[in-house]
Amino acid sequence: MSKLKVAFICVHNSCRSQIAEALGKYLASDVFDSYSAGSETKPQINQDAVRLMKEMYQIDLEKSQYSKLLSDIPPVDIVITMGCDLRCPAIPCRHREDWGLSDPTGKDDKAFKDTIRIIYKKIIELKYEIKSGLIV
């Protein structure tokens, strides 16, 4: 059986969705393939996210990630939106959920670290749900 493909989607694909893709690869690549994309791109990934992901998990987002459009990723099985409400882009999938995360851009390190920790926890939960057959 091939691994499910999970897309982490946000409008700009420059912060939360990038963190989720990187943590998905780091924590759950044995269970699902991770992608991120948006309806728009930014010239670079949020530099606070880059700095704190290096500090917290030794993951260099600038080496492994870049801002992508929805058309840049393959068809996926699961779509996770980050909390962009009605502005969140939609793509076809078998399962969709919204994680309802506020964008930490422009906020202090505590807000970023809280967001990163929530995404970490949600990736672990998603991995468990897929492995357990709760999401197929």
N, C-alpha and C. Protein backbone atom coordinates (compact mmCIF):
# COMPACT_ATOMS: atom_id res chain seq x y z
N MET A 1 0.84 -1.18 0.00
CA MET A 1 0.00 0.00 0.00
C MET A 1 0.89 1.25 0.00
N SER A 2 0.59 2.19 -0.88
CA SER A 2 1.40 3.40 -0.93
C SER A 2 0.98 4.37 0.18
N LYS A 3 1.91 5.24 0.53
CA LYS A 3 1.64 6.21 1.59
C LYS A 3 0.64 7.25 1.09
N LEU A 4 -0.15 7.74 2.03
CA LEU A 4 -1.05 8.84 1.70
C LEU A 4 -0.24 10.11 1.50
N LYS A 5 -0.80 11.01 0.68
CA LYS A 5 -0.17 12.30 0.44
C LYS A 5 -0.99 13.36 1.20
N VAL A 6 -0.29 14.14 2.03
CA VAL A 6 -0.94 15.17 2.84
C VAL A 6 -0.42 16.53 2.40
N ALA A 7 -1.35 17.44 2.14
CA ALA A 7 -0.99 18.82 1.78
C ALA A 7 -1.40 19.75 2.91
N PHE A 8 -0.46 20.56 3.34
CA PHE A 8 -0.70 21.60 4.33
C PHE A 8 -0.85 22.90 3.55
N ILE A 9 -2.03 23.49 3.62
CA ILE A 9 -2.40 24.58 2.73
C ILE A 9 -2.67 25.86 3.51
N CYS A 10 -2.16 26.96 2.99
CA CYS A 10 -2.44 28.29 3.52
C CYS A 10 -2.41 29.25 2.34
N VAL A 11 -2.73 30.49 2.57
CA VAL A 11 -2.78 31.44 1.46
C VAL A 11 -1.38 31.67 0.89
N HIS A 12 -0.42 32.04 1.72
CA HIS A 12 0.90 32.45 1.22
C HIS A 12 1.97 31.36 1.24
N ASN A 13 1.73 30.26 1.90
CA ASN A 13 2.71 29.18 1.98
C ASN A 13 4.09 29.70 2.39
N SER A 14 4.10 30.48 3.49
CA SER A 14 5.38 31.04 3.92
C SER A 14 5.67 30.85 5.41
N CYS A 15 4.72 30.29 6.17
CA CYS A 15 4.96 30.16 7.60
C CYS A 15 4.35 28.86 8.15
N ARG A 16 3.08 28.88 8.56
CA ARG A 16 2.47 27.70 9.20
C ARG A 16 2.50 26.47 8.32
N SER A 17 2.14 26.60 7.06
CA SER A 17 2.11 25.43 6.18
C SER A 17 3.52 24.91 5.92
N GLN A 18 4.51 25.80 5.87
CA GLN A 18 5.90 25.37 5.71
C GLN A 18 6.39 24.62 6.94
N ILE A 19 6.03 25.12 8.12
CA ILE A 19 6.38 24.44 9.37
C ILE A 19 5.76 23.05 9.38
N ALA A 20 4.49 22.96 9.00
CA ALA A 20 3.78 21.68 9.00
C ALA A 20 4.40 20.69 8.02
N GLU A 21 4.74 21.16 6.82
CA GLU A 21 5.37 20.26 5.85
C GLU A 21 6.69 19.73 6.40
N ALA A 22 7.51 20.62 6.95
CA ALA A 22 8.81 20.20 7.47
C ALA A 22 8.66 19.24 8.65
N LEU A 23 7.74 19.53 9.56
CA LEU A 23 7.53 18.63 10.70
C LEU A 23 6.90 17.31 10.25
N GLY A 24 6.05 17.35 9.23
CA GLY A 24 5.49 16.12 8.69
C GLY A 24 6.58 15.22 8.14
N LYS A 25 7.52 15.80 7.42
CA LYS A 25 8.65 15.02 6.89
C LYS A 25 9.52 14.50 8.03
N TYR A 26 9.72 15.31 9.04
CA TYR A 26 10.59 14.97 10.17
C TYR A 26 9.98 13.89 11.06
N LEU A 27 8.67 13.98 11.30
CA LEU A 27 8.01 13.11 12.29
C LEU A 27 7.22 11.94 11.70
N ALA A 28 6.80 12.05 10.44
CA ALA A 28 5.83 11.07 9.95
C ALA A 28 6.10 10.58 8.53
N SER A 29 7.31 10.74 8.04
CA SER A 29 7.58 10.32 6.65
C SER A 29 7.42 8.82 6.44
N ASP A 30 7.40 8.06 7.53
CA ASP A 30 7.16 6.62 7.41
C ASP A 30 5.69 6.30 7.17
N VAL A 31 4.81 7.27 7.41
CA VAL A 31 3.37 7.04 7.30
C VAL A 31 2.74 7.84 6.15
N PHE A 32 3.18 9.09 5.94
CA PHE A 32 2.61 9.89 4.86
C PHE A 32 3.66 10.82 4.25
N ASP A 33 3.40 11.20 3.01
CA ASP A 33 4.24 12.17 2.31
C ASP A 33 3.66 13.56 2.56
N SER A 34 4.51 14.52 2.86
CA SER A 34 4.08 15.87 3.20
C SER A 34 4.40 16.87 2.09
N TYR A 35 3.44 17.75 1.85
CA TYR A 35 3.57 18.83 0.88
C TYR A 35 2.97 20.08 1.50
N SER A 36 3.36 21.23 1.01
CA SER A 36 2.68 22.46 1.38
C SER A 36 2.56 23.33 0.15
N ALA A 37 1.53 24.18 0.16
CA ALA A 37 1.31 25.07 -0.98
C ALA A 37 0.32 26.15 -0.58
N GLY A 38 0.21 27.14 -1.45
CA GLY A 38 -0.74 28.23 -1.23
C GLY A 38 -1.27 28.76 -2.54
N SER A 39 -2.22 29.67 -2.45
CA SER A 39 -2.77 30.29 -3.65
C SER A 39 -1.89 31.45 -4.11
N GLU A 40 -0.99 31.89 -3.22
CA GLU A 40 0.01 32.91 -3.53
C GLU A 40 1.33 32.44 -2.92
N THR A 41 2.42 33.02 -3.35
CA THR A 41 3.72 32.69 -2.75
C THR A 41 4.38 33.95 -2.23
N LYS A 42 5.34 33.76 -1.39
CA LYS A 42 6.20 34.84 -0.88
C LYS A 42 7.61 34.57 -1.38
N PRO A 43 8.44 35.60 -1.50
CA PRO A 43 9.80 35.39 -1.99
C PRO A 43 10.67 34.57 -1.05
N GLN A 44 10.32 34.55 0.24
CA GLN A 44 11.08 33.72 1.18
C GLN A 44 10.17 33.26 2.31
N ILE A 45 10.60 32.20 2.96
CA ILE A 45 9.87 31.68 4.12
C ILE A 45 10.07 32.66 5.27
N ASN A 46 9.06 32.78 6.11
CA ASN A 46 9.12 33.67 7.26
C ASN A 46 10.40 33.41 8.05
N GLN A 47 11.19 34.45 8.24
CA GLN A 47 12.51 34.30 8.85
C GLN A 47 12.44 33.94 10.34
N ASP A 48 11.39 34.33 11.03
CA ASP A 48 11.22 33.90 12.42
C ASP A 48 10.95 32.39 12.48
N ALA A 49 10.15 31.90 11.54
CA ALA A 49 9.89 30.46 11.47
C ALA A 49 11.18 29.70 11.17
N VAL A 50 11.98 30.22 10.25
CA VAL A 50 13.26 29.60 9.89
C VAL A 50 14.15 29.52 11.13
N ARG A 51 14.31 30.63 11.82
CA ARG A 51 15.19 30.70 12.99
C ARG A 51 14.73 29.77 14.10
N LEU A 52 13.44 29.77 14.40
CA LEU A 52 12.94 28.97 15.52
C LEU A 52 12.87 27.49 15.21
N MET A 53 12.61 27.11 13.96
CA MET A 53 12.65 25.69 13.60
C MET A 53 14.08 25.15 13.71
N LYS A 54 15.07 25.97 13.36
CA LYS A 54 16.48 25.56 13.55
C LYS A 54 16.77 25.39 15.03
N GLU A 55 16.32 26.36 15.81
CA GLU A 55 16.58 26.34 17.26
C GLU A 55 15.90 25.16 17.95
N MET A 56 14.64 24.92 17.61
CA MET A 56 13.85 23.91 18.32
C MET A 56 14.10 22.49 17.82
N TYR A 57 14.26 22.30 16.50
CA TYR A 57 14.33 20.95 15.93
C TYR A 57 15.51 20.73 14.99
N GLN A 58 16.39 21.70 14.88
CA GLN A 58 17.53 21.62 13.97
C GLN A 58 17.10 21.37 12.53
N ILE A 59 15.94 21.89 12.16
CA ILE A 59 15.44 21.78 10.79
C ILE A 59 15.67 23.13 10.11
N ASP A 60 16.39 23.12 8.99
CA ASP A 60 16.66 24.34 8.24
C ASP A 60 15.63 24.47 7.11
N LEU A 61 14.60 25.26 7.34
CA LEU A 61 13.54 25.42 6.36
C LEU A 61 14.06 25.98 5.03
N GLU A 62 15.09 26.79 5.10
CA GLU A 62 15.60 27.39 3.86
C GLU A 62 16.33 26.37 2.98
N LYS A 63 16.82 25.30 3.58
CA LYS A 63 17.50 24.26 2.79
C LYS A 63 16.52 23.25 2.22
N SER A 64 15.41 23.03 2.93
CA SER A 64 14.49 21.95 2.52
C SER A 64 13.16 22.46 1.96
N GLN A 65 12.87 23.73 2.09
CA GLN A 65 11.54 24.24 1.73
C GLN A 65 11.63 25.46 0.80
N TYR A 66 10.56 25.66 0.06
CA TYR A 66 10.39 26.89 -0.72
C TYR A 66 8.89 27.10 -0.89
N SER A 67 8.49 28.34 -1.11
CA SER A 67 7.08 28.67 -1.25
C SER A 67 6.56 28.13 -2.58
N LYS A 68 5.44 27.38 -2.52
CA LYS A 68 4.89 26.71 -3.69
C LYS A 68 3.41 27.08 -3.90
N LEU A 69 3.00 27.07 -5.14
CA LEU A 69 1.59 27.24 -5.48
C LEU A 69 0.88 25.89 -5.46
N LEU A 70 -0.43 25.91 -5.38
CA LEU A 70 -1.22 24.67 -5.39
C LEU A 70 -0.89 23.82 -6.62
N SER A 71 -0.63 24.47 -7.74
CA SER A 71 -0.33 23.74 -8.98
C SER A 71 1.04 23.07 -8.96
N ASP A 72 1.86 23.39 -7.97
CA ASP A 72 3.22 22.83 -7.88
C ASP A 72 3.29 21.49 -7.15
N ILE A 73 2.18 21.07 -6.54
CA ILE A 73 2.21 19.81 -5.78
C ILE A 73 1.35 18.76 -6.48
N PRO A 74 1.62 17.47 -6.22
CA PRO A 74 0.83 16.41 -6.85
C PRO A 74 -0.57 16.32 -6.24
N PRO A 75 -1.46 15.55 -6.86
CA PRO A 75 -2.76 15.30 -6.24
C PRO A 75 -2.56 14.67 -4.86
N VAL A 76 -3.39 15.06 -3.90
CA VAL A 76 -3.22 14.61 -2.52
C VAL A 76 -4.47 13.91 -2.01
N ASP A 77 -4.28 13.14 -0.93
CA ASP A 77 -5.39 12.43 -0.29
C ASP A 77 -6.01 13.25 0.83
N ILE A 78 -5.18 13.98 1.54
CA ILE A 78 -5.62 14.71 2.72
C ILE A 78 -5.18 16.17 2.59
N VAL A 79 -6.10 17.09 2.90
CA VAL A 79 -5.77 18.51 2.91
C VAL A 79 -5.98 19.03 4.33
N ILE A 80 -4.94 19.67 4.85
CA ILE A 80 -5.01 20.33 6.15
C ILE A 80 -4.85 21.82 5.90
N THR A 81 -5.89 22.58 6.21
CA THR A 81 -5.76 24.03 6.13
C THR A 81 -5.33 24.54 7.50
N MET A 82 -4.61 25.64 7.48
CA MET A 82 -3.97 26.12 8.70
C MET A 82 -4.84 27.06 9.53
N GLY A 83 -5.90 27.58 8.95
CA GLY A 83 -6.75 28.51 9.69
C GLY A 83 -6.92 29.82 8.96
N CYS A 84 -6.99 29.76 7.66
CA CYS A 84 -7.14 30.99 6.87
C CYS A 84 -8.60 31.26 6.52
N ASP A 85 -9.51 30.56 7.20
CA ASP A 85 -10.96 30.77 7.05
C ASP A 85 -11.40 30.72 5.60
N LEU A 86 -12.21 31.68 5.17
CA LEU A 86 -12.77 31.65 3.83
C LEU A 86 -11.73 31.91 2.74
N ARG A 87 -10.57 32.43 3.12
CA ARG A 87 -9.52 32.70 2.15
C ARG A 87 -8.70 31.46 1.84
N CYS A 88 -8.87 30.39 2.61
CA CYS A 88 -8.08 29.17 2.40
C CYS A 88 -8.38 28.59 1.02
N PRO A 89 -7.34 28.29 0.28
CA PRO A 89 -7.55 27.67 -1.03
C PRO A 89 -8.11 26.25 -0.88
N ALA A 90 -8.85 25.81 -1.88
CA ALA A 90 -9.43 24.47 -1.85
C ALA A 90 -8.85 23.65 -3.00
N ILE A 91 -8.51 22.40 -2.69
CA ILE A 91 -8.08 21.46 -3.72
C ILE A 91 -8.78 20.13 -3.44
N PRO A 92 -8.97 19.30 -4.47
CA PRO A 92 -9.65 18.02 -4.27
C PRO A 92 -8.87 17.11 -3.32
N CYS A 93 -9.63 16.34 -2.52
CA CYS A 93 -9.01 15.40 -1.59
C CYS A 93 -10.09 14.45 -1.06
N ARG A 94 -9.64 13.41 -0.34
CA ARG A 94 -10.57 12.46 0.29
C ARG A 94 -10.94 12.87 1.70
N HIS A 95 -10.05 13.59 2.35
CA HIS A 95 -10.27 14.03 3.74
C HIS A 95 -9.73 15.45 3.88
N ARG A 96 -10.51 16.30 4.56
CA ARG A 96 -10.08 17.68 4.76
C ARG A 96 -10.36 18.07 6.20
N GLU A 97 -9.42 18.81 6.79
CA GLU A 97 -9.66 19.38 8.11
C GLU A 97 -8.93 20.71 8.22
N ASP A 98 -9.43 21.56 9.11
CA ASP A 98 -8.82 22.85 9.35
C ASP A 98 -8.27 22.87 10.77
N TRP A 99 -6.99 23.25 10.90
CA TRP A 99 -6.37 23.27 12.22
C TRP A 99 -6.58 24.58 12.95
N GLY A 100 -7.15 25.58 12.31
CA GLY A 100 -7.54 26.81 12.97
C GLY A 100 -6.43 27.55 13.70
N LEU A 101 -5.25 27.59 13.11
CA LEU A 101 -4.10 28.23 13.75
C LEU A 101 -3.97 29.69 13.33
N SER A 102 -3.81 30.56 14.30
CA SER A 102 -3.56 31.97 14.00
C SER A 102 -2.16 32.13 13.43
N ASP A 103 -2.02 33.05 12.50
CA ASP A 103 -0.72 33.32 11.90
C ASP A 103 0.15 34.07 12.91
N PRO A 104 1.32 33.51 13.27
CA PRO A 104 2.18 34.19 14.24
C PRO A 104 3.04 35.31 13.63
N THR A 105 2.96 35.52 12.32
CA THR A 105 3.77 36.53 11.66
C THR A 105 3.59 37.89 12.34
N GLY A 106 4.72 38.51 12.66
CA GLY A 106 4.69 39.81 13.30
C GLY A 106 4.56 39.75 14.82
N LYS A 107 4.43 38.56 15.36
CA LYS A 107 4.29 38.40 16.81
C LYS A 107 5.64 37.99 17.42
N ASP A 108 5.66 37.85 18.74
CA ASP A 108 6.91 37.52 19.44
C ASP A 108 7.25 36.03 19.32
N ASP A 109 8.44 35.67 19.81
CA ASP A 109 8.91 34.30 19.73
C ASP A 109 7.98 33.32 20.45
N LYS A 110 7.38 33.74 21.55
CA LYS A 110 6.47 32.85 22.28
C LYS A 110 5.31 32.43 21.38
N ALA A 111 4.73 33.37 20.64
CA ALA A 111 3.62 33.05 19.73
C ALA A 111 4.08 32.05 18.67
N PHE A 112 5.27 32.26 18.12
CA PHE A 112 5.80 31.33 17.12
C PHE A 112 6.03 29.95 17.73
N LYS A 113 6.68 29.91 18.88
CA LYS A 113 6.97 28.62 19.51
C LYS A 113 5.69 27.89 19.87
N ASP A 114 4.68 28.61 20.35
CA ASP A 114 3.39 27.99 20.66
C ASP A 114 2.79 27.38 19.40
N THR A 115 2.83 28.11 18.30
CA THR A 115 2.29 27.62 17.02
C THR A 115 3.06 26.39 16.55
N ILE A 116 4.38 26.44 16.63
CA ILE A 116 5.21 25.30 16.22
C ILE A 116 4.89 24.07 17.07
N ARG A 117 4.75 24.26 18.37
CA ARG A 117 4.44 23.13 19.26
C ARG A 117 3.06 22.54 18.96
N ILE A 118 2.09 23.39 18.66
CA ILE A 118 0.76 22.89 18.31
C ILE A 118 0.84 22.08 17.02
N ILE A 119 1.55 22.59 16.02
CA ILE A 119 1.69 21.86 14.76
C ILE A 119 2.38 20.52 15.01
N TYR A 120 3.43 20.51 15.82
CA TYR A 120 4.14 19.27 16.16
C TYR A 120 3.14 18.25 16.73
N LYS A 121 2.34 18.67 17.70
CA LYS A 121 1.37 17.78 18.33
C LYS A 121 0.33 17.28 17.32
N LYS A 122 -0.13 18.17 16.45
CA LYS A 122 -1.14 17.79 15.46
C LYS A 122 -0.58 16.83 14.41
N ILE A 123 0.69 16.97 14.08
CA ILE A 123 1.33 16.02 13.14
C ILE A 123 1.37 14.64 13.76
N ILE A 124 1.74 14.55 15.04
CA ILE A 124 1.76 13.27 15.75
C ILE A 124 0.35 12.66 15.77
N GLU A 125 -0.65 13.48 16.05
CA GLU A 125 -2.04 12.99 16.07
C GLU A 125 -2.47 12.50 14.68
N LEU A 126 -2.13 13.27 13.64
CA LEU A 126 -2.47 12.88 12.27
C LEU A 126 -1.80 11.56 11.90
N LYS A 127 -0.55 11.42 12.26
CA LYS A 127 0.18 10.18 12.00
C LYS A 127 -0.54 9.00 12.67
N TYR A 128 -0.92 9.16 13.92
CA TYR A 128 -1.63 8.10 14.65
C TYR A 128 -2.97 7.77 13.96
N GLU A 129 -3.72 8.80 13.57
CA GLU A 129 -5.03 8.58 12.94
C GLU A 129 -4.89 7.83 11.62
N ILE A 130 -3.86 8.16 10.86
CA ILE A 130 -3.64 7.46 9.59
C ILE A 130 -3.21 6.03 9.84
N LYS A 131 -2.23 5.83 10.74
CA LYS A 131 -1.75 4.48 11.05
C LYS A 131 -2.87 3.60 11.59
N SER A 132 -3.76 4.19 12.37
CA SER A 132 -4.85 3.44 13.00
C SER A 132 -6.03 3.21 12.06
N GLY A 133 -5.98 3.79 10.87
CA GLY A 133 -7.08 3.63 9.93
C GLY A 133 -8.26 4.54 10.20
N LEU A 134 -8.09 5.51 11.10
CA LEU A 134 -9.18 6.45 11.39
C LEU A 134 -9.39 7.42 10.24
N ILE A 135 -8.31 7.66 9.49
CA ILE A 135 -8.38 8.46 8.26
C ILE A 135 -7.84 7.58 7.15
N VAL A 136 -8.65 7.40 6.11
CA VAL A 136 -8.21 6.57 4.98
C VAL A 136 -8.43 7.29 3.67
